[in-house]
């Protein structure tokens, strides 16, 4: 298992800026649902708090595959 780097900063309620080794991204929405825009594409995600199951879907054709 390798080391990871991620720094996150809330800009406004519901808007979060994420910085990682691959680049930066923005997440819009509450903690349990939202849309993320980043260097590996756009994702929609959601979950039911306290239950465990979650859903993530990659959108669009702008998603790039990068080696880890």
N, C-alpha and C. Protein backbone atom coordinates (compact mmCIF):
# COMPACT_ATOMS: atom_id res chain seq x y z
N UNK A 1 0.85 -1.17 0.00
CA UNK A 1 0.00 0.00 0.00
C UNK A 1 0.89 1.24 0.00
N UNK A 2 0.60 2.19 -0.87
CA UNK A 2 1.42 3.39 -0.98
C UNK A 2 0.88 4.54 -0.15
N UNK A 3 1.68 5.57 -0.06
CA UNK A 3 1.29 6.78 0.65
C UNK A 3 0.36 7.61 -0.21
N UNK A 4 -0.57 8.29 0.40
CA UNK A 4 -1.49 9.19 -0.31
C UNK A 4 -1.39 10.57 0.32
N UNK A 5 -1.72 11.57 -0.50
CA UNK A 5 -1.76 12.95 -0.01
C UNK A 5 -3.08 13.54 -0.45
N UNK A 6 -3.81 14.16 0.47
CA UNK A 6 -5.04 14.85 0.14
C UNK A 6 -5.28 15.92 1.18
N UNK A 7 -5.55 17.11 0.71
CA UNK A 7 -5.87 18.24 1.58
C UNK A 7 -7.21 18.78 1.12
N UNK A 8 -8.09 19.08 2.05
CA UNK A 8 -9.43 19.52 1.72
C UNK A 8 -9.74 20.79 2.50
N UNK A 9 -10.40 21.73 1.84
CA UNK A 9 -10.75 23.01 2.47
C UNK A 9 -12.17 23.39 2.06
N UNK A 10 -13.02 23.65 3.05
CA UNK A 10 -14.38 24.09 2.76
C UNK A 10 -14.35 25.58 2.40
N UNK A 11 -14.81 25.92 1.21
CA UNK A 11 -14.85 27.31 0.77
C UNK A 11 -16.12 28.00 1.26
N UNK A 12 -17.24 27.33 1.08
CA UNK A 12 -18.56 27.77 1.52
C UNK A 12 -19.32 26.53 1.95
N UNK A 13 -20.42 26.66 2.65
CA UNK A 13 -21.22 25.47 2.95
C UNK A 13 -21.67 24.80 1.65
N UNK A 14 -21.34 23.54 1.49
CA UNK A 14 -21.70 22.81 0.29
C UNK A 14 -20.69 22.89 -0.84
N UNK A 15 -19.57 23.62 -0.64
CA UNK A 15 -18.53 23.74 -1.67
C UNK A 15 -17.18 23.44 -1.02
N UNK A 16 -16.51 22.41 -1.53
CA UNK A 16 -15.24 21.98 -0.95
C UNK A 16 -14.19 21.90 -2.04
N UNK A 17 -12.99 22.41 -1.74
CA UNK A 17 -11.84 22.35 -2.64
C UNK A 17 -10.92 21.25 -2.14
N UNK A 18 -10.56 20.31 -3.02
CA UNK A 18 -9.69 19.19 -2.66
C UNK A 18 -8.39 19.30 -3.45
N UNK A 19 -7.28 19.07 -2.80
CA UNK A 19 -5.97 19.09 -3.44
C UNK A 19 -5.29 17.75 -3.17
N UNK A 20 -4.81 17.12 -4.24
CA UNK A 20 -4.11 15.84 -4.10
C UNK A 20 -2.89 15.84 -5.02
N UNK A 21 -2.19 14.75 -5.04
CA UNK A 21 -1.00 14.63 -5.87
C UNK A 21 -1.36 14.74 -7.36
N UNK A 22 -2.54 14.30 -7.75
CA UNK A 22 -2.97 14.34 -9.16
C UNK A 22 -3.46 15.71 -9.60
N UNK A 23 -3.82 16.58 -8.67
CA UNK A 23 -4.32 17.90 -9.04
C UNK A 23 -5.36 18.37 -8.04
N UNK A 24 -6.22 19.29 -8.50
CA UNK A 24 -7.24 19.80 -7.60
C UNK A 24 -8.62 19.51 -8.17
N UNK A 25 -9.60 19.50 -7.28
CA UNK A 25 -10.98 19.24 -7.67
C UNK A 25 -11.92 20.02 -6.78
N UNK A 26 -13.17 20.08 -7.21
CA UNK A 26 -14.20 20.79 -6.46
C UNK A 26 -15.37 19.83 -6.25
N UNK A 27 -15.94 19.86 -5.05
CA UNK A 27 -17.11 19.05 -4.74
C UNK A 27 -18.25 19.99 -4.35
N UNK A 28 -19.42 19.77 -4.95
CA UNK A 28 -20.61 20.56 -4.67
C UNK A 28 -21.66 19.67 -4.05
N UNK A 29 -22.23 20.09 -2.94
CA UNK A 29 -23.29 19.32 -2.30
C UNK A 29 -22.95 18.97 -0.87
N UNK A 30 -23.93 18.43 -0.15
CA UNK A 30 -23.70 18.03 1.24
C UNK A 30 -22.81 16.80 1.32
N UNK A 31 -22.46 16.40 2.51
CA UNK A 31 -21.54 15.28 2.73
C UNK A 31 -22.06 13.97 2.15
N UNK A 32 -23.36 13.73 2.21
CA UNK A 32 -23.89 12.44 1.78
C UNK A 32 -24.39 12.40 0.34
N UNK A 33 -24.25 13.48 -0.43
CA UNK A 33 -24.65 13.49 -1.83
C UNK A 33 -23.97 14.67 -2.51
N UNK A 34 -23.61 14.50 -3.78
CA UNK A 34 -23.01 15.63 -4.46
C UNK A 34 -22.40 15.28 -5.79
N UNK A 35 -21.79 16.30 -6.39
CA UNK A 35 -21.11 16.17 -7.67
C UNK A 35 -19.67 16.63 -7.47
N UNK A 36 -18.72 15.84 -8.00
CA UNK A 36 -17.30 16.16 -7.89
C UNK A 36 -16.72 16.37 -9.28
N UNK A 37 -15.93 17.43 -9.43
CA UNK A 37 -15.24 17.73 -10.67
C UNK A 37 -13.75 17.72 -10.37
N UNK A 38 -13.00 16.89 -11.09
CA UNK A 38 -11.57 16.79 -10.80
C UNK A 38 -10.78 16.30 -11.99
N UNK A 39 -9.48 16.05 -11.77
CA UNK A 39 -8.58 15.66 -12.86
C UNK A 39 -8.91 14.30 -13.47
N UNK A 40 -9.63 13.45 -12.77
CA UNK A 40 -9.98 12.14 -13.33
C UNK A 40 -11.41 12.08 -13.83
N UNK A 41 -12.09 13.22 -13.89
CA UNK A 41 -13.44 13.26 -14.44
C UNK A 41 -14.47 13.80 -13.46
N UNK A 42 -15.72 13.65 -13.85
CA UNK A 42 -16.85 14.12 -13.06
C UNK A 42 -17.55 12.93 -12.46
N UNK A 43 -17.88 13.01 -11.18
CA UNK A 43 -18.55 11.91 -10.49
C UNK A 43 -19.77 12.43 -9.73
N UNK A 44 -20.80 11.60 -9.70
CA UNK A 44 -21.99 11.85 -8.88
C UNK A 44 -22.00 10.78 -7.82
N UNK A 45 -22.24 11.16 -6.57
CA UNK A 45 -22.22 10.18 -5.49
C UNK A 45 -23.33 10.47 -4.49
N UNK A 46 -23.70 9.43 -3.77
CA UNK A 46 -24.71 9.57 -2.74
C UNK A 46 -24.65 8.41 -1.77
N UNK A 47 -25.15 8.62 -0.57
CA UNK A 47 -25.19 7.56 0.44
C UNK A 47 -26.30 7.87 1.43
N UNK A 48 -26.66 6.85 2.19
CA UNK A 48 -27.63 7.01 3.26
C UNK A 48 -26.84 6.97 4.56
N UNK A 49 -26.78 8.09 5.30
CA UNK A 49 -25.97 8.16 6.51
C UNK A 49 -26.31 7.07 7.52
N UNK A 50 -25.27 6.46 8.06
CA UNK A 50 -25.43 5.47 9.11
C UNK A 50 -25.77 4.07 8.64
N UNK A 51 -25.91 3.85 7.31
CA UNK A 51 -26.29 2.52 6.83
C UNK A 51 -25.15 1.79 6.13
N UNK A 52 -24.20 2.50 5.55
CA UNK A 52 -23.06 1.86 4.88
C UNK A 52 -23.10 1.91 3.37
N UNK A 53 -24.22 1.55 2.69
CA UNK A 53 -24.21 1.53 1.23
C UNK A 53 -24.04 2.93 0.64
N UNK A 54 -23.35 2.98 -0.49
CA UNK A 54 -23.17 4.25 -1.20
C UNK A 54 -23.16 3.99 -2.70
N UNK A 55 -23.31 5.06 -3.47
CA UNK A 55 -23.37 4.97 -4.93
C UNK A 55 -22.45 6.02 -5.52
N UNK A 56 -21.63 5.62 -6.50
CA UNK A 56 -20.76 6.56 -7.21
C UNK A 56 -20.84 6.23 -8.68
N UNK A 57 -21.01 7.25 -9.53
CA UNK A 57 -21.05 7.04 -10.97
C UNK A 57 -20.19 8.10 -11.66
N UNK A 58 -19.33 7.64 -12.56
CA UNK A 58 -18.50 8.54 -13.35
C UNK A 58 -19.32 9.03 -14.53
N UNK A 59 -19.28 10.33 -14.82
CA UNK A 59 -20.06 10.91 -15.90
C UNK A 59 -19.18 11.39 -17.03
N UNK A 60 -19.74 11.46 -18.22
CA UNK A 60 -19.10 12.09 -19.37
C UNK A 60 -17.95 11.28 -19.96
N UNK A 61 -17.44 11.80 -21.06
CA UNK A 61 -16.34 11.15 -21.74
C UNK A 61 -15.02 11.85 -21.48
N UNK A 62 -15.03 12.85 -20.59
CA UNK A 62 -13.80 13.58 -20.28
C UNK A 62 -12.96 12.90 -19.21
N UNK A 63 -13.39 11.72 -18.76
CA UNK A 63 -12.66 11.02 -17.71
C UNK A 63 -11.40 10.40 -18.29
N UNK A 64 -10.26 10.67 -17.65
CA UNK A 64 -8.97 10.12 -18.08
C UNK A 64 -8.55 9.03 -17.13
N UNK A 65 -7.94 8.02 -17.65
CA UNK A 65 -7.38 6.98 -16.81
C UNK A 65 -5.92 7.27 -16.60
N UNK A 66 -5.49 7.39 -15.34
CA UNK A 66 -4.09 7.66 -15.03
C UNK A 66 -3.53 6.54 -14.17
N UNK A 67 -2.29 6.15 -14.42
CA UNK A 67 -1.70 5.11 -13.58
C UNK A 67 -1.52 5.59 -12.14
N UNK A 68 -1.62 4.68 -11.21
CA UNK A 68 -1.52 5.02 -9.78
C UNK A 68 -0.12 5.32 -9.35
